[in-house]
N, C-alpha and C. Protein backbone atom coordinates (compact mmCIF):
# COMPACT_ATOMS: atom_id res chain seq x y z
N MET A 1 146.08 69.72 85.24
CA MET A 1 145.57 70.77 84.39
C MET A 1 145.08 71.92 85.27
N ASP A 2 145.43 73.13 84.91
CA ASP A 2 144.99 74.26 85.74
C ASP A 2 143.53 74.57 85.51
N ILE A 3 142.91 75.12 86.52
CA ILE A 3 141.50 75.46 86.45
C ILE A 3 141.36 76.85 85.84
N LYS A 4 140.51 76.95 84.84
CA LYS A 4 140.29 78.24 84.18
C LYS A 4 139.10 78.92 84.84
N HIS A 5 139.26 80.16 85.15
CA HIS A 5 138.19 80.91 85.80
C HIS A 5 137.53 81.83 84.78
N PHE A 6 136.37 81.42 84.31
CA PHE A 6 135.62 82.23 83.37
C PHE A 6 134.69 83.14 84.15
N THR A 7 134.65 84.38 83.77
CA THR A 7 133.66 85.30 84.31
C THR A 7 132.72 85.66 83.17
N THR A 8 131.59 86.21 83.50
CA THR A 8 130.61 86.53 82.46
C THR A 8 130.77 87.98 82.01
N LEU A 9 130.47 88.18 80.74
CA LEU A 9 130.40 89.53 80.20
C LEU A 9 129.10 90.12 80.71
N LYS A 10 129.16 91.32 81.26
CA LYS A 10 127.96 91.87 81.89
C LYS A 10 127.46 93.15 81.26
N THR A 11 128.35 94.05 80.89
CA THR A 11 127.90 95.35 80.42
C THR A 11 127.79 95.39 78.90
N THR A 12 126.99 96.30 78.42
CA THR A 12 126.84 96.51 76.99
C THR A 12 128.18 96.89 76.38
N LYS A 13 128.97 97.64 77.10
CA LYS A 13 130.28 98.06 76.61
C LYS A 13 131.18 96.85 76.36
N GLU A 14 131.17 95.88 77.28
CA GLU A 14 131.96 94.66 77.11
C GLU A 14 131.49 93.86 75.90
N PHE A 15 130.16 93.70 75.78
CA PHE A 15 129.62 92.96 74.64
C PHE A 15 129.98 93.64 73.33
N ASN A 16 129.81 94.96 73.26
CA ASN A 16 130.10 95.69 72.03
C ASN A 16 131.57 95.59 71.64
N ARG A 17 132.46 95.60 72.63
CA ARG A 17 133.90 95.48 72.34
C ARG A 17 134.18 94.13 71.68
N VAL A 18 133.54 93.07 72.18
CA VAL A 18 133.74 91.74 71.59
C VAL A 18 133.09 91.67 70.21
N TYR A 19 131.87 92.18 70.07
CA TYR A 19 131.19 92.15 68.78
C TYR A 19 132.01 92.86 67.71
N ASN A 20 132.62 93.99 68.05
CA ASN A 20 133.33 94.82 67.08
C ASN A 20 134.74 94.35 66.78
N ASN A 21 135.36 93.60 67.67
CA ASN A 21 136.77 93.24 67.50
C ASN A 21 137.02 91.74 67.47
N SER A 22 136.05 90.96 67.05
CA SER A 22 136.21 89.52 67.17
C SER A 22 136.13 88.82 65.82
N LYS A 23 136.55 87.55 65.84
CA LYS A 23 136.33 86.66 64.72
C LYS A 23 134.95 86.04 64.95
N THR A 24 134.21 85.85 63.88
CA THR A 24 132.84 85.37 63.99
C THR A 24 132.65 84.12 63.14
N GLN A 25 131.89 83.19 63.67
CA GLN A 25 131.57 81.99 62.91
C GLN A 25 130.09 81.69 63.08
N HIS A 26 129.38 81.57 61.96
CA HIS A 26 127.95 81.28 61.98
C HIS A 26 127.72 79.79 61.72
N THR A 27 126.79 79.22 62.46
CA THR A 27 126.32 77.86 62.19
C THR A 27 124.81 77.94 62.05
N GLN A 28 124.20 76.80 61.79
CA GLN A 28 122.75 76.77 61.66
C GLN A 28 122.06 77.01 63.01
N GLN A 29 122.74 76.63 64.11
CA GLN A 29 122.12 76.71 65.43
C GLN A 29 122.53 77.93 66.25
N PHE A 30 123.71 78.49 66.00
CA PHE A 30 124.21 79.59 66.82
C PHE A 30 125.29 80.38 66.08
N VAL A 31 125.67 81.50 66.67
CA VAL A 31 126.79 82.30 66.18
C VAL A 31 127.79 82.39 67.33
N LEU A 32 129.06 82.22 67.01
CA LEU A 32 130.11 82.30 68.02
C LEU A 32 131.04 83.45 67.69
N PHE A 33 131.20 84.37 68.64
CA PHE A 33 132.14 85.47 68.53
C PHE A 33 133.32 85.15 69.45
N TYR A 34 134.55 85.27 68.92
CA TYR A 34 135.74 84.98 69.72
C TYR A 34 136.76 86.10 69.54
N HIS A 35 137.20 86.65 70.65
CA HIS A 35 138.23 87.68 70.65
C HIS A 35 139.33 87.24 71.58
N TYR A 36 140.54 87.04 71.02
CA TYR A 36 141.67 86.59 71.83
C TYR A 36 142.08 87.68 72.81
N GLN A 37 142.26 87.29 74.05
CA GLN A 37 142.72 88.20 75.11
C GLN A 37 143.59 87.36 76.04
N ALA A 38 144.89 87.60 76.05
CA ALA A 38 145.81 86.78 76.83
C ALA A 38 145.45 86.81 78.32
N GLU A 39 145.45 85.63 78.90
CA GLU A 39 145.26 85.46 80.35
C GLU A 39 143.92 85.93 80.89
N GLU A 40 142.94 86.10 80.05
CA GLU A 40 141.62 86.52 80.54
C GLU A 40 140.56 85.65 79.88
N TYR A 41 139.64 85.16 80.68
CA TYR A 41 138.57 84.29 80.20
C TYR A 41 137.22 84.91 80.56
N LYS A 42 136.44 85.26 79.53
CA LYS A 42 135.09 85.79 79.77
C LYS A 42 134.16 85.22 78.71
N PHE A 43 132.90 85.02 79.08
CA PHE A 43 131.94 84.57 78.09
C PHE A 43 130.55 85.13 78.38
N GLY A 44 129.75 85.15 77.33
CA GLY A 44 128.37 85.59 77.44
C GLY A 44 127.50 84.75 76.53
N VAL A 45 126.25 84.60 76.91
CA VAL A 45 125.30 83.83 76.12
C VAL A 45 124.08 84.71 75.89
N VAL A 46 123.64 84.76 74.63
CA VAL A 46 122.54 85.65 74.25
C VAL A 46 121.48 84.86 73.49
N ALA A 47 120.22 85.12 73.79
CA ALA A 47 119.10 84.56 73.03
C ALA A 47 118.06 85.65 72.88
N SER A 48 117.83 86.08 71.65
CA SER A 48 116.86 87.15 71.42
C SER A 48 115.44 86.60 71.40
N LYS A 49 114.48 87.49 71.26
CA LYS A 49 113.08 87.07 71.22
C LYS A 49 112.74 86.29 69.96
N LYS A 50 113.63 86.29 68.98
CA LYS A 50 113.43 85.48 67.78
C LYS A 50 113.46 83.99 68.12
N VAL A 51 114.18 83.64 69.19
CA VAL A 51 114.30 82.24 69.61
C VAL A 51 112.98 81.75 70.19
N GLY A 52 112.25 82.61 70.85
CA GLY A 52 110.97 82.22 71.43
C GLY A 52 110.67 83.04 72.67
N LYS A 53 109.72 82.55 73.43
CA LYS A 53 109.37 83.24 74.68
C LYS A 53 110.42 82.92 75.74
N ALA A 54 110.24 83.44 76.93
CA ALA A 54 111.26 83.36 77.98
C ALA A 54 111.73 81.93 78.27
N VAL A 55 110.80 80.99 78.30
CA VAL A 55 111.17 79.61 78.60
C VAL A 55 112.10 79.05 77.52
N GLN A 56 111.78 79.30 76.25
CA GLN A 56 112.61 78.81 75.16
C GLN A 56 113.97 79.52 75.15
N ARG A 57 113.99 80.81 75.41
CA ARG A 57 115.25 81.56 75.44
C ARG A 57 116.16 81.04 76.56
N ASN A 58 115.59 80.80 77.73
CA ASN A 58 116.38 80.27 78.83
C ASN A 58 116.91 78.87 78.53
N LEU A 59 116.09 78.04 77.89
CA LEU A 59 116.53 76.71 77.50
C LEU A 59 117.68 76.79 76.50
N ALA A 60 117.56 77.68 75.53
CA ALA A 60 118.61 77.86 74.52
C ALA A 60 119.92 78.31 75.19
N LYS A 61 119.82 79.22 76.13
CA LYS A 61 121.03 79.69 76.83
C LYS A 61 121.65 78.58 77.67
N ARG A 62 120.82 77.77 78.32
CA ARG A 62 121.35 76.64 79.10
C ARG A 62 122.05 75.63 78.21
N LEU A 63 121.46 75.37 77.04
CA LEU A 63 122.07 74.44 76.09
C LEU A 63 123.45 74.93 75.65
N LEU A 64 123.52 76.18 75.24
CA LEU A 64 124.80 76.74 74.79
C LEU A 64 125.82 76.76 75.92
N ARG A 65 125.38 77.11 77.10
CA ARG A 65 126.27 77.14 78.26
C ARG A 65 126.83 75.75 78.56
N SER A 66 126.00 74.72 78.44
CA SER A 66 126.46 73.35 78.71
C SER A 66 127.51 72.91 77.70
N HIS A 67 127.32 73.25 76.42
CA HIS A 67 128.32 72.91 75.41
C HIS A 67 129.63 73.65 75.68
N PHE A 68 129.51 74.88 76.09
CA PHE A 68 130.69 75.69 76.41
C PHE A 68 131.45 75.07 77.59
N ILE A 69 130.74 74.70 78.63
CA ILE A 69 131.37 74.12 79.82
C ILE A 69 132.03 72.78 79.50
N ASN A 70 131.43 72.01 78.59
CA ASN A 70 132.04 70.73 78.20
C ASN A 70 133.41 70.91 77.56
N GLN A 71 133.63 72.03 76.90
CA GLN A 71 134.89 72.28 76.20
C GLN A 71 135.83 73.22 76.95
N ILE A 72 135.47 73.61 78.14
CA ILE A 72 136.19 74.67 78.85
C ILE A 72 137.68 74.38 79.05
N ASP A 73 138.05 73.12 79.24
CA ASP A 73 139.46 72.77 79.45
C ASP A 73 140.28 72.89 78.17
N ASN A 74 139.63 72.88 77.02
CA ASN A 74 140.33 72.92 75.73
C ASN A 74 140.40 74.31 75.13
N LEU A 75 139.82 75.30 75.78
CA LEU A 75 139.72 76.64 75.18
C LEU A 75 140.93 77.52 75.45
N LYS A 76 141.24 78.33 74.46
CA LYS A 76 142.28 79.34 74.62
C LYS A 76 141.68 80.52 75.39
N PRO A 77 142.54 81.35 75.99
CA PRO A 77 142.01 82.51 76.70
C PRO A 77 141.36 83.49 75.72
N GLY A 78 140.42 84.26 76.22
CA GLY A 78 139.76 85.26 75.39
C GLY A 78 138.33 85.49 75.81
N PHE A 79 137.64 86.25 74.98
CA PHE A 79 136.24 86.57 75.21
C PHE A 79 135.40 85.78 74.21
N TYR A 80 134.35 85.16 74.69
CA TYR A 80 133.45 84.34 73.87
C TYR A 80 132.03 84.84 74.05
N ILE A 81 131.30 84.97 72.95
CA ILE A 81 129.87 85.25 73.01
C ILE A 81 129.17 84.22 72.13
N LEU A 82 128.18 83.57 72.70
CA LEU A 82 127.36 82.61 71.97
C LEU A 82 125.97 83.21 71.78
N VAL A 83 125.52 83.27 70.54
CA VAL A 83 124.21 83.84 70.23
C VAL A 83 123.34 82.72 69.65
N ALA A 84 122.25 82.43 70.33
CA ALA A 84 121.35 81.35 69.90
C ALA A 84 120.54 81.77 68.68
N LYS A 85 120.29 80.79 67.81
CA LYS A 85 119.39 80.99 66.68
C LYS A 85 118.14 80.14 66.93
N PRO A 86 117.01 80.48 66.29
CA PRO A 86 115.77 79.75 66.54
C PRO A 86 115.87 78.24 66.30
N SER A 87 116.69 77.81 65.35
CA SER A 87 116.79 76.38 65.04
C SER A 87 117.55 75.58 66.10
N LEU A 88 118.17 76.26 67.06
CA LEU A 88 118.93 75.57 68.12
C LEU A 88 118.05 74.58 68.88
N LEU A 89 116.86 75.00 69.23
CA LEU A 89 115.98 74.16 70.05
C LEU A 89 115.42 72.96 69.29
N GLU A 90 115.51 72.97 67.97
CA GLU A 90 115.01 71.85 67.17
C GLU A 90 116.11 70.87 66.80
N SER A 91 117.37 71.20 67.16
CA SER A 91 118.50 70.35 66.80
C SER A 91 118.81 69.34 67.89
N GLU A 92 119.42 68.23 67.49
CA GLU A 92 119.82 67.21 68.45
C GLU A 92 121.08 67.65 69.18
N TYR A 93 121.22 67.18 70.41
CA TYR A 93 122.34 67.57 71.26
C TYR A 93 123.68 67.23 70.61
N GLN A 94 123.81 66.03 70.03
CA GLN A 94 125.07 65.59 69.42
C GLN A 94 125.42 66.45 68.22
N LEU A 95 124.43 66.86 67.44
CA LEU A 95 124.67 67.72 66.29
C LEU A 95 125.18 69.09 66.73
N ILE A 96 124.61 69.61 67.79
CA ILE A 96 125.06 70.91 68.32
C ILE A 96 126.49 70.78 68.84
N GLU A 97 126.78 69.69 69.54
CA GLU A 97 128.13 69.46 70.07
C GLU A 97 129.16 69.40 68.95
N LYS A 98 128.87 68.65 67.91
CA LYS A 98 129.78 68.53 66.77
C LYS A 98 129.97 69.89 66.10
N SER A 99 128.90 70.61 65.91
CA SER A 99 128.96 71.94 65.31
C SER A 99 129.77 72.90 66.17
N PHE A 100 129.61 72.81 67.48
CA PHE A 100 130.33 73.67 68.42
C PHE A 100 131.83 73.42 68.34
N ILE A 101 132.23 72.16 68.34
CA ILE A 101 133.66 71.81 68.27
C ILE A 101 134.25 72.26 66.94
N ASN A 102 133.55 72.02 65.84
CA ASN A 102 134.03 72.45 64.52
C ASN A 102 134.18 73.96 64.45
N THR A 103 133.25 74.68 65.05
CA THR A 103 133.31 76.13 65.04
C THR A 103 134.51 76.63 65.83
N LEU A 104 134.76 76.03 66.98
CA LEU A 104 135.94 76.41 67.78
C LEU A 104 137.22 76.14 67.02
N LYS A 105 137.28 75.03 66.29
CA LYS A 105 138.46 74.72 65.47
C LYS A 105 138.66 75.75 64.37
N ARG A 106 137.58 76.14 63.70
CA ARG A 106 137.68 77.13 62.62
C ARG A 106 138.16 78.48 63.13
N LEU A 107 137.76 78.82 64.36
CA LEU A 107 138.18 80.10 64.94
C LEU A 107 139.55 80.02 65.62
N LYS A 108 140.13 78.82 65.60
CA LYS A 108 141.42 78.57 66.28
C LYS A 108 141.35 78.95 67.75
N ALA A 109 140.25 78.58 68.39
CA ALA A 109 140.03 78.87 69.81
C ALA A 109 140.30 77.66 70.69
N LEU A 110 140.68 76.53 70.08
CA LEU A 110 140.98 75.33 70.84
C LEU A 110 142.48 75.16 71.01
N ASN A 111 142.88 74.72 72.21
CA ASN A 111 144.28 74.34 72.42
C ASN A 111 144.50 73.01 71.74
N SER A 112 145.54 72.89 70.97
CA SER A 112 145.79 71.64 70.22
C SER A 112 146.44 70.60 71.06
């Protein structure tokens, strides 16, 4: 299996392009934005102050990043943005994982 090289979305311009041109799926714990882009892999993770103070926001981003990395071999190319919701930190890891996989399936972002 080839190794996929994901880079992070860094600029506001990159984030806005994905927000405006993507398919979106909301769950109870997070929102996933996916924009297909052939042969390019980029992702970003966002946690606003609604999630909590800095420690909680960083924990939420680490959680989302870990779920993303677990599925990295199954993902189609494109731009991904994960936005944490306050209930993310109160959910069980397995529930978030199941929700994440279902969301990727709904967005057709998984290689079959």
